[in-house]
């Protein structure tokens, strides 16, 4: 049984990568990873040996989807409406981590991912970014493998459409 510190140290990059692709924003990804690590700390005793990355991706996905549901129930307006005030709130340049992530996956692809619904985005990210097999994704999302295949196929098709629209 791995300790919390071992999991955080050895799988932190994996968690951040999945979280960043799900959220599309550095700050949101960091918040998501922090919440995942808190849940992991509380639930590590329930881990049964198997695919640790599958289990971690399931926790990450569940925390992400919980956040979406929470925001739908309680929407918030985080930035002021006045543009001059927004300039004082927003940073003047990208954080180093976001610049690195943008270099590894183009901004167009990230925008296309952000445009997908949560169910398609989650399936595509877990498959194509995290590299999980369909069965682990199905277990992680709590849906049949056929549903995972369908979501990945449809999600990829929507990505192709979105990216083809940007090329014109």
N, C-alpha and C. Protein backbone atom coordinates (compact mmCIF):
# COMPACT_ATOMS: atom_id res chain seq x y z
N UNK A 1 0.86 -1.18 0.00
CA UNK A 1 0.00 0.00 0.00
C UNK A 1 0.90 1.24 0.00
N UNK A 2 0.76 2.09 -1.01
CA UNK A 2 1.59 3.30 -1.05
C UNK A 2 1.11 4.31 -0.01
N UNK A 3 2.03 5.15 0.42
CA UNK A 3 1.67 6.22 1.34
C UNK A 3 1.16 7.40 0.53
N UNK A 4 0.50 8.33 1.22
CA UNK A 4 -0.02 9.52 0.55
C UNK A 4 1.12 10.31 -0.08
N UNK A 5 2.23 10.44 0.64
CA UNK A 5 3.38 11.20 0.13
C UNK A 5 3.94 10.56 -1.13
N UNK A 6 4.02 9.23 -1.16
CA UNK A 6 4.53 8.53 -2.34
C UNK A 6 3.62 8.76 -3.55
N UNK A 7 2.33 8.67 -3.32
CA UNK A 7 1.38 8.88 -4.42
C UNK A 7 1.48 10.32 -4.91
N UNK A 8 1.50 11.27 -4.01
CA UNK A 8 1.58 12.68 -4.40
C UNK A 8 2.87 12.96 -5.16
N UNK A 9 3.97 12.40 -4.71
CA UNK A 9 5.26 12.65 -5.34
C UNK A 9 5.36 11.97 -6.71
N UNK A 10 4.96 10.71 -6.80
CA UNK A 10 5.16 9.97 -8.04
C UNK A 10 4.05 10.18 -9.07
N UNK A 11 2.86 10.55 -8.62
CA UNK A 11 1.75 10.70 -9.56
C UNK A 11 1.23 12.13 -9.66
N UNK A 12 1.90 13.07 -9.03
CA UNK A 12 1.48 14.47 -9.07
C UNK A 12 1.41 15.02 -10.48
N UNK A 13 2.41 14.74 -11.30
CA UNK A 13 2.43 15.22 -12.68
C UNK A 13 1.26 14.63 -13.47
N UNK A 14 0.98 13.34 -13.26
CA UNK A 14 -0.14 12.68 -13.93
C UNK A 14 -1.45 13.38 -13.54
N UNK A 15 -1.64 13.62 -12.23
CA UNK A 15 -2.85 14.28 -11.76
C UNK A 15 -3.00 15.66 -12.37
N UNK A 16 -1.90 16.41 -12.39
CA UNK A 16 -1.97 17.78 -12.94
C UNK A 16 -2.30 17.74 -14.44
N UNK A 17 -1.69 16.83 -15.17
CA UNK A 17 -1.95 16.75 -16.61
C UNK A 17 -3.42 16.45 -16.88
N UNK A 18 -3.98 15.48 -16.19
CA UNK A 18 -5.39 15.15 -16.37
C UNK A 18 -6.26 16.34 -15.94
N UNK A 19 -5.94 16.93 -14.81
CA UNK A 19 -6.73 18.06 -14.31
C UNK A 19 -6.66 19.24 -15.27
N UNK A 20 -5.48 19.52 -15.81
CA UNK A 20 -5.35 20.67 -16.72
C UNK A 20 -6.14 20.44 -18.00
N UNK A 21 -6.12 19.25 -18.51
CA UNK A 21 -6.87 18.97 -19.73
C UNK A 21 -8.37 18.98 -19.50
N UNK A 22 -8.79 18.62 -18.30
CA UNK A 22 -10.22 18.68 -17.99
C UNK A 22 -10.68 20.12 -17.80
N UNK A 23 -9.87 20.92 -17.11
CA UNK A 23 -10.30 22.29 -16.78
C UNK A 23 -9.88 23.31 -17.81
N UNK A 24 -8.71 23.10 -18.41
CA UNK A 24 -8.21 24.05 -19.41
C UNK A 24 -7.54 25.28 -18.83
N UNK A 25 -7.41 25.34 -17.50
CA UNK A 25 -6.82 26.51 -16.85
C UNK A 25 -5.88 26.06 -15.75
N UNK A 26 -4.75 26.74 -15.66
CA UNK A 26 -3.73 26.38 -14.68
C UNK A 26 -4.26 26.46 -13.25
N UNK A 27 -4.88 27.58 -12.90
CA UNK A 27 -5.37 27.75 -11.53
C UNK A 27 -6.44 26.72 -11.18
N UNK A 28 -7.36 26.48 -12.12
CA UNK A 28 -8.40 25.49 -11.88
C UNK A 28 -7.81 24.09 -11.74
N UNK A 29 -6.79 23.79 -12.56
CA UNK A 29 -6.14 22.49 -12.48
C UNK A 29 -5.44 22.31 -11.14
N UNK A 30 -4.77 23.35 -10.68
CA UNK A 30 -4.10 23.28 -9.38
C UNK A 30 -5.12 23.08 -8.25
N UNK A 31 -6.23 23.80 -8.32
CA UNK A 31 -7.29 23.62 -7.32
C UNK A 31 -7.84 22.20 -7.36
N UNK A 32 -8.03 21.69 -8.58
CA UNK A 32 -8.56 20.34 -8.74
C UNK A 32 -7.59 19.32 -8.16
N UNK A 33 -6.30 19.46 -8.45
CA UNK A 33 -5.30 18.53 -7.91
C UNK A 33 -5.29 18.61 -6.39
N UNK A 34 -5.38 19.81 -5.85
CA UNK A 34 -5.39 19.96 -4.39
C UNK A 34 -6.58 19.23 -3.78
N UNK A 35 -7.75 19.38 -4.39
CA UNK A 35 -8.93 18.69 -3.88
C UNK A 35 -8.78 17.18 -4.02
N UNK A 36 -8.21 16.74 -5.13
CA UNK A 36 -7.98 15.30 -5.34
C UNK A 36 -7.04 14.76 -4.26
N UNK A 37 -5.97 15.49 -3.97
CA UNK A 37 -5.02 15.03 -2.96
C UNK A 37 -5.66 15.00 -1.57
N UNK A 38 -6.57 15.94 -1.30
CA UNK A 38 -7.28 15.90 -0.02
C UNK A 38 -8.18 14.67 0.06
N UNK A 39 -8.91 14.41 -1.01
CA UNK A 39 -9.77 13.21 -1.02
C UNK A 39 -8.94 11.95 -0.94
N UNK A 40 -7.80 11.96 -1.62
CA UNK A 40 -6.91 10.82 -1.59
C UNK A 40 -6.40 10.57 -0.18
N UNK A 41 -6.07 11.63 0.53
CA UNK A 41 -5.58 11.51 1.90
C UNK A 41 -6.64 10.85 2.79
N UNK A 42 -7.89 11.26 2.60
CA UNK A 42 -8.98 10.71 3.40
C UNK A 42 -9.34 9.28 2.98
N UNK A 43 -9.13 8.94 1.68
CA UNK A 43 -9.61 7.66 1.19
C UNK A 43 -8.55 6.65 0.82
N UNK A 44 -7.29 6.91 1.12
CA UNK A 44 -6.22 6.00 0.71
C UNK A 44 -6.39 4.61 1.33
N UNK A 45 -6.98 4.56 2.50
CA UNK A 45 -7.18 3.26 3.15
C UNK A 45 -8.15 2.38 2.38
N UNK A 46 -9.00 2.97 1.53
CA UNK A 46 -9.96 2.18 0.76
C UNK A 46 -9.39 1.67 -0.56
N UNK A 47 -8.15 2.10 -0.90
CA UNK A 47 -7.55 1.68 -2.17
C UNK A 47 -7.26 0.19 -2.13
N UNK A 48 -7.68 -0.49 -3.18
CA UNK A 48 -7.40 -1.91 -3.35
C UNK A 48 -6.38 -2.04 -4.47
N UNK A 49 -5.30 -2.78 -4.24
CA UNK A 49 -4.26 -2.88 -5.27
C UNK A 49 -4.84 -3.21 -6.64
N UNK A 50 -4.32 -2.50 -7.60
CA UNK A 50 -4.78 -2.60 -8.98
C UNK A 50 -4.16 -1.46 -9.74
N UNK A 51 -4.92 -0.86 -10.60
CA UNK A 51 -4.42 0.27 -11.38
C UNK A 51 -4.54 1.55 -10.56
N UNK A 52 -3.42 1.99 -10.02
CA UNK A 52 -3.42 3.21 -9.22
C UNK A 52 -3.79 4.41 -10.08
N UNK A 53 -3.27 4.48 -11.31
CA UNK A 53 -3.61 5.60 -12.19
C UNK A 53 -5.09 5.60 -12.54
N UNK A 54 -5.68 4.44 -12.71
CA UNK A 54 -7.11 4.36 -12.95
C UNK A 54 -7.91 4.89 -11.78
N UNK A 55 -7.49 4.50 -10.58
CA UNK A 55 -8.16 4.97 -9.37
C UNK A 55 -8.01 6.48 -9.22
N UNK A 56 -6.79 6.99 -9.46
CA UNK A 56 -6.55 8.42 -9.37
C UNK A 56 -7.34 9.19 -10.42
N UNK A 57 -7.43 8.64 -11.62
CA UNK A 57 -8.20 9.33 -12.66
C UNK A 57 -9.68 9.34 -12.32
N UNK A 58 -10.15 8.30 -11.67
CA UNK A 58 -11.55 8.28 -11.25
C UNK A 58 -11.82 9.36 -10.22
N UNK A 59 -10.93 9.49 -9.24
CA UNK A 59 -11.09 10.53 -8.22
C UNK A 59 -11.05 11.90 -8.89
N UNK A 60 -10.07 12.11 -9.78
CA UNK A 60 -9.94 13.40 -10.47
C UNK A 60 -11.18 13.72 -11.26
N UNK A 61 -11.68 12.75 -12.00
CA UNK A 61 -12.88 12.95 -12.80
C UNK A 61 -14.08 13.26 -11.93
N UNK A 62 -14.23 12.53 -10.84
CA UNK A 62 -15.37 12.76 -9.95
C UNK A 62 -15.31 14.15 -9.32
N UNK A 63 -14.12 14.58 -8.91
CA UNK A 63 -13.98 15.92 -8.32
C UNK A 63 -14.31 16.97 -9.37
N UNK A 64 -13.81 16.77 -10.60
CA UNK A 64 -14.09 17.70 -11.70
C UNK A 64 -15.60 17.80 -11.97
N UNK A 65 -16.26 16.65 -12.09
CA UNK A 65 -17.70 16.64 -12.38
C UNK A 65 -18.50 17.21 -11.21
N UNK A 66 -18.06 16.94 -9.97
CA UNK A 66 -18.72 17.54 -8.81
C UNK A 66 -18.65 19.05 -8.87
N UNK A 67 -17.49 19.57 -9.27
CA UNK A 67 -17.32 21.02 -9.40
C UNK A 67 -18.23 21.62 -10.45
N UNK A 68 -18.38 20.94 -11.58
CA UNK A 68 -19.28 21.42 -12.63
C UNK A 68 -20.71 21.46 -12.11
N UNK A 69 -21.13 20.40 -11.45
CA UNK A 69 -22.49 20.36 -10.90
C UNK A 69 -22.70 21.46 -9.86
N UNK A 70 -21.70 21.69 -9.03
CA UNK A 70 -21.80 22.72 -7.99
C UNK A 70 -21.92 24.10 -8.64
N UNK A 71 -21.12 24.37 -9.68
CA UNK A 71 -21.18 25.67 -10.37
C UNK A 71 -22.51 25.85 -11.08
N UNK A 72 -23.10 24.78 -11.59
CA UNK A 72 -24.40 24.90 -12.24
C UNK A 72 -25.49 25.25 -11.23
N UNK A 73 -25.37 24.71 -10.03
CA UNK A 73 -26.36 25.01 -8.99
C UNK A 73 -26.15 26.39 -8.38
N UNK A 74 -24.89 26.83 -8.30
CA UNK A 74 -24.56 28.09 -7.66
C UNK A 74 -23.60 28.89 -8.55
N UNK A 75 -24.09 29.47 -9.65
CA UNK A 75 -23.19 30.22 -10.54
C UNK A 75 -22.63 31.45 -9.84
N UNK A 76 -21.42 31.80 -10.21
CA UNK A 76 -20.78 32.98 -9.64
C UNK A 76 -20.18 33.83 -10.76
N UNK A 77 -20.09 35.11 -10.53
CA UNK A 77 -19.45 36.04 -11.46
C UNK A 77 -18.16 36.48 -10.78
N UNK A 78 -17.03 35.93 -11.23
CA UNK A 78 -15.77 36.16 -10.54
C UNK A 78 -15.06 37.44 -10.96
N UNK A 79 -15.26 37.91 -12.20
CA UNK A 79 -14.57 39.10 -12.67
C UNK A 79 -15.52 40.28 -12.77
N UNK A 80 -15.02 41.47 -12.52
CA UNK A 80 -15.88 42.65 -12.63
C UNK A 80 -16.24 42.90 -14.09
N UNK A 81 -17.36 43.59 -14.29
CA UNK A 81 -17.81 43.89 -15.64
C UNK A 81 -17.02 45.01 -16.30
N UNK A 82 -16.43 45.90 -15.51
CA UNK A 82 -15.68 47.02 -16.08
C UNK A 82 -14.32 46.53 -16.58
N UNK A 83 -14.00 46.76 -17.87
CA UNK A 83 -12.74 46.26 -18.42
C UNK A 83 -11.50 46.85 -17.73
N UNK A 84 -11.53 48.13 -17.34
CA UNK A 84 -10.35 48.70 -16.71
C UNK A 84 -10.07 48.04 -15.36
N UNK A 85 -11.10 47.67 -14.64
CA UNK A 85 -10.92 46.98 -13.36
C UNK A 85 -10.45 45.55 -13.60
N UNK A 86 -10.92 44.90 -14.66
CA UNK A 86 -10.50 43.54 -14.96
C UNK A 86 -9.01 43.48 -15.25
N UNK A 87 -8.46 44.53 -15.86
CA UNK A 87 -7.04 44.54 -16.15
C UNK A 87 -6.22 44.53 -14.87
N UNK A 88 -6.72 45.16 -13.82
CA UNK A 88 -5.99 45.17 -12.55
C UNK A 88 -6.09 43.82 -11.85
N UNK A 89 -7.14 43.05 -12.14
CA UNK A 89 -7.35 41.76 -11.49
C UNK A 89 -6.56 40.66 -12.19
N UNK A 90 -6.51 40.69 -13.50
CA UNK A 90 -5.88 39.63 -14.28
C UNK A 90 -4.36 39.80 -14.32
N UNK A 91 -3.60 38.69 -14.31
CA UNK A 91 -2.15 38.80 -14.41
C UNK A 91 -1.74 39.27 -15.80
N UNK A 92 -0.60 39.92 -15.88
CA UNK A 92 -0.15 40.47 -17.15
C UNK A 92 0.49 39.44 -18.06
N UNK A 93 0.92 38.31 -17.53
CA UNK A 93 1.52 37.27 -18.36
C UNK A 93 1.11 35.90 -17.84
N UNK A 94 1.32 34.89 -18.69
CA UNK A 94 0.97 33.54 -18.31
C UNK A 94 1.94 33.00 -17.27
N UNK A 95 1.43 32.18 -16.35
CA UNK A 95 2.34 31.50 -15.43
C UNK A 95 3.23 30.52 -16.22
N UNK A 96 4.38 30.20 -15.70
CA UNK A 96 5.32 29.32 -16.39
C UNK A 96 4.70 27.96 -16.69
N UNK A 97 3.93 27.43 -15.76
CA UNK A 97 3.32 26.11 -15.96
C UNK A 97 2.34 26.14 -17.13
N UNK A 98 1.54 27.21 -17.22
CA UNK A 98 0.59 27.31 -18.33
C UNK A 98 1.32 27.47 -19.66
N UNK A 99 2.39 28.23 -19.67
CA UNK A 99 3.18 28.40 -20.89
C UNK A 99 3.75 27.05 -21.33
N UNK A 100 4.22 26.26 -20.37
CA UNK A 100 4.74 24.93 -20.69
C UNK A 100 3.63 24.04 -21.25
N UNK A 101 2.46 24.05 -20.61
CA UNK A 101 1.36 23.22 -21.07
C UNK A 101 0.90 23.63 -22.46
N UNK A 102 0.86 24.94 -22.72
CA UNK A 102 0.47 25.42 -24.04
C UNK A 102 1.45 24.94 -25.10
N UNK A 103 2.70 24.83 -24.74
CA UNK A 103 3.70 24.37 -25.69
C UNK A 103 3.53 22.89 -26.00
N UNK A 104 3.02 22.12 -25.05
CA UNK A 104 2.90 20.69 -25.28
C UNK A 104 1.58 20.31 -25.94
N UNK A 105 0.58 21.13 -25.86
CA UNK A 105 -0.69 20.90 -26.52
C UNK A 105 -1.17 22.26 -27.02
N UNK A 106 -1.37 22.36 -28.31
CA UNK A 106 -1.65 23.68 -28.89
C UNK A 106 -2.88 24.34 -28.27
N UNK A 107 -2.87 25.65 -28.33
CA UNK A 107 -3.99 26.42 -27.77
C UNK A 107 -5.28 26.10 -28.51
N UNK A 108 -5.19 25.86 -29.82
CA UNK A 108 -6.39 25.51 -30.59
C UNK A 108 -7.01 24.21 -30.09
N UNK A 109 -6.16 23.23 -29.80
CA UNK A 109 -6.68 21.95 -29.31
C UNK A 109 -7.30 22.13 -27.93
N UNK A 110 -6.64 22.91 -27.08
CA UNK A 110 -7.20 23.14 -25.74
C UNK A 110 -8.53 23.87 -25.83
N UNK A 111 -8.63 24.86 -26.71
CA UNK A 111 -9.92 25.57 -26.87
C UNK A 111 -10.99 24.61 -27.38
N UNK A 112 -10.61 23.74 -28.31
CA UNK A 112 -11.58 22.76 -28.82
C UNK A 112 -12.00 21.81 -27.70
N UNK A 113 -11.06 21.38 -26.87
CA UNK A 113 -11.40 20.53 -25.73
C UNK A 113 -12.34 21.26 -24.77
N UNK A 114 -12.05 22.53 -24.52
CA UNK A 114 -12.90 23.32 -23.62
C UNK A 114 -14.32 23.44 -24.15
N UNK A 115 -14.48 23.37 -25.47
CA UNK A 115 -15.80 23.49 -26.08
C UNK A 115 -16.64 22.23 -25.99
N UNK A 116 -16.02 21.10 -25.64
CA UNK A 116 -16.76 19.85 -25.52
C UNK A 116 -17.53 19.82 -24.21
N UNK A 117 -18.63 19.08 -24.21
CA UNK A 117 -19.35 18.88 -22.95
C UNK A 117 -18.48 18.04 -22.03
N UNK A 118 -18.77 18.08 -20.76
CA UNK A 118 -17.94 17.39 -19.76
C UNK A 118 -17.83 15.90 -20.03
N UNK A 119 -18.92 15.26 -20.47
CA UNK A 119 -18.86 13.81 -20.68
C UNK A 119 -17.92 13.44 -21.83
N UNK A 120 -17.93 14.20 -22.92
CA UNK A 120 -17.04 13.92 -24.03
C UNK A 120 -15.60 14.30 -23.69
N UNK A 121 -15.42 15.47 -23.08
CA UNK A 121 -14.08 15.95 -22.73
C UNK A 121 -13.40 14.97 -21.78
N UNK A 122 -14.12 14.51 -20.77
CA UNK A 122 -13.55 13.59 -19.79
C UNK A 122 -13.10 12.30 -20.46
N UNK A 123 -13.93 11.72 -21.31
CA UNK A 123 -13.57 10.47 -21.98
C UNK A 123 -12.36 10.66 -22.89
N UNK A 124 -12.34 11.74 -23.66
CA UNK A 124 -11.22 11.98 -24.58
C UNK A 124 -9.93 12.25 -23.80
N UNK A 125 -10.00 13.04 -22.75
CA UNK A 125 -8.80 13.35 -21.97
C UNK A 125 -8.25 12.08 -21.31
N UNK A 126 -9.11 11.29 -20.70
CA UNK A 126 -8.64 10.08 -20.03
C UNK A 126 -8.03 9.10 -21.03
N UNK A 127 -8.55 9.06 -22.25
CA UNK A 127 -8.02 8.15 -23.27
C UNK A 127 -6.78 8.72 -23.94
N UNK A 128 -6.89 9.91 -24.50
CA UNK A 128 -5.84 10.45 -25.35
C UNK A 128 -4.75 11.21 -24.61
N UNK A 129 -5.04 11.77 -23.46
CA UNK A 129 -4.03 12.50 -22.71
C UNK A 129 -3.44 11.62 -21.61
N UNK A 130 -4.32 10.99 -20.82
CA UNK A 130 -3.84 10.15 -19.72
C UNK A 130 -3.43 8.77 -20.21
N UNK A 131 -3.92 8.35 -21.38
CA UNK A 131 -3.52 7.06 -21.95
C UNK A 131 -4.13 5.86 -21.25
N UNK A 132 -5.29 6.04 -20.62
CA UNK A 132 -5.93 4.92 -19.93
C UNK A 132 -6.67 4.04 -20.93
N UNK A 133 -6.70 2.74 -20.69
CA UNK A 133 -7.48 1.84 -21.56
C UNK A 133 -8.98 2.04 -21.32
N UNK A 134 -9.77 1.64 -22.30
CA UNK A 134 -11.21 1.84 -22.24
C UNK A 134 -11.83 1.26 -20.97
N UNK A 135 -11.39 0.07 -20.55
CA UNK A 135 -11.97 -0.56 -19.37
C UNK A 135 -11.74 0.29 -18.12
N UNK A 136 -10.55 0.85 -17.98
CA UNK A 136 -10.28 1.70 -16.81
C UNK A 136 -11.09 2.99 -16.86
N UNK A 137 -11.28 3.53 -18.05
CA UNK A 137 -12.10 4.73 -18.19
C UNK A 137 -13.54 4.40 -17.81
N UNK A 138 -14.03 3.26 -18.28
CA UNK A 138 -15.39 2.85 -17.95
C UNK A 138 -15.57 2.70 -16.44
N UNK A 139 -14.59 2.08 -15.80
CA UNK A 139 -14.65 1.93 -14.35
C UNK A 139 -14.60 3.29 -13.67
N UNK A 140 -13.72 4.14 -14.16
CA UNK A 140 -13.55 5.47 -13.58
C UNK A 140 -14.82 6.29 -13.67
N UNK A 141 -15.50 6.21 -14.82
CA UNK A 141 -16.70 7.01 -15.03
C UNK A 141 -17.98 6.31 -14.56
N UNK A 142 -17.87 5.01 -14.29
CA UNK A 142 -19.05 4.26 -13.86
C UNK A 142 -20.06 4.03 -14.98
N UNK A 143 -19.55 3.85 -16.20
CA UNK A 143 -20.40 3.60 -17.36
C UNK A 143 -19.87 2.36 -18.10
N UNK A 144 -20.69 1.76 -18.97
CA UNK A 144 -20.22 0.61 -19.74
C UNK A 144 -19.12 0.99 -20.74
N UNK A 145 -18.30 0.01 -21.13
CA UNK A 145 -17.22 0.24 -22.08
C UNK A 145 -17.78 0.77 -23.40
N UNK A 146 -18.92 0.28 -23.82
CA UNK A 146 -19.53 0.76 -25.07
C UNK A 146 -19.84 2.25 -25.01
N UNK A 147 -20.26 2.73 -23.87
CA UNK A 147 -20.53 4.16 -23.69
C UNK A 147 -19.23 4.94 -23.79
N UNK A 148 -18.17 4.41 -23.21
CA UNK A 148 -16.85 5.07 -23.29
C UNK A 148 -16.42 5.17 -24.75
N UNK A 149 -16.53 4.07 -25.48
CA UNK A 149 -16.14 4.08 -26.90
C UNK A 149 -16.95 5.10 -27.68
N UNK A 150 -18.23 5.14 -27.41
CA UNK A 150 -19.11 6.09 -28.08
C UNK A 150 -18.72 7.53 -27.77
N UNK A 151 -18.47 7.81 -26.50
CA UNK A 151 -18.11 9.17 -26.09
C UNK A 151 -16.76 9.59 -26.68
N UNK A 152 -15.81 8.66 -26.70
CA UNK A 152 -14.51 8.99 -27.29
C UNK A 152 -14.65 9.23 -28.79
N UNK A 153 -15.40 8.38 -29.46
CA UNK A 153 -15.60 8.55 -30.90
C UNK A 153 -16.29 9.88 -31.19
N UNK A 154 -17.36 10.16 -30.48
CA UNK A 154 -18.10 11.40 -30.70
C UNK A 154 -17.26 12.62 -30.28
N UNK A 155 -16.56 12.51 -29.18
CA UNK A 155 -15.71 13.60 -28.73
C UNK A 155 -14.61 13.93 -29.73
N UNK A 156 -13.99 12.90 -30.27
CA UNK A 156 -12.95 13.12 -31.29
C UNK A 156 -13.54 13.74 -32.54
N UNK A 157 -14.73 13.29 -32.93
CA UNK A 157 -15.39 13.87 -34.11
C UNK A 157 -15.69 15.35 -33.88
N UNK A 158 -16.18 15.69 -32.69
CA UNK A 158 -16.45 17.09 -32.37
C UNK A 158 -15.17 17.92 -32.35
N UNK A 159 -14.08 17.32 -31.86
CA UNK A 159 -12.79 18.01 -31.88
C UNK A 159 -12.35 18.28 -33.32
N UNK A 160 -12.48 17.27 -34.18
CA UNK A 160 -12.11 17.46 -35.60
C UNK A 160 -12.92 18.58 -36.23
N UNK A 161 -14.23 18.59 -35.95
CA UNK A 161 -15.09 19.65 -36.50
C UNK A 161 -14.65 21.02 -36.00
N UNK A 162 -14.38 21.11 -34.71
CA UNK A 162 -13.98 22.39 -34.13
C UNK A 162 -12.65 22.86 -34.71
N UNK A 163 -11.72 21.93 -34.85
CA UNK A 163 -10.40 22.30 -35.37
C UNK A 163 -10.47 22.61 -36.86
N UNK A 164 -11.32 21.92 -37.60
CA UNK A 164 -11.47 22.22 -39.04
C UNK A 164 -12.09 23.60 -39.22
N UNK A 165 -12.98 23.98 -38.33
CA UNK A 165 -13.60 25.30 -38.39
C UNK A 165 -12.60 26.41 -38.12
N UNK A 166 -11.58 26.14 -37.33
CA UNK A 166 -10.55 27.15 -36.99
C UNK A 166 -9.56 27.33 -38.15
N UNK A 167 -9.38 26.31 -38.98
CA UNK A 167 -8.42 26.39 -40.07
C UNK A 167 -8.91 27.27 -41.20
N UNK A 168 -10.20 27.46 -41.31
CA UNK A 168 -10.76 28.22 -42.43
C UNK A 168 -10.46 29.67 -42.35
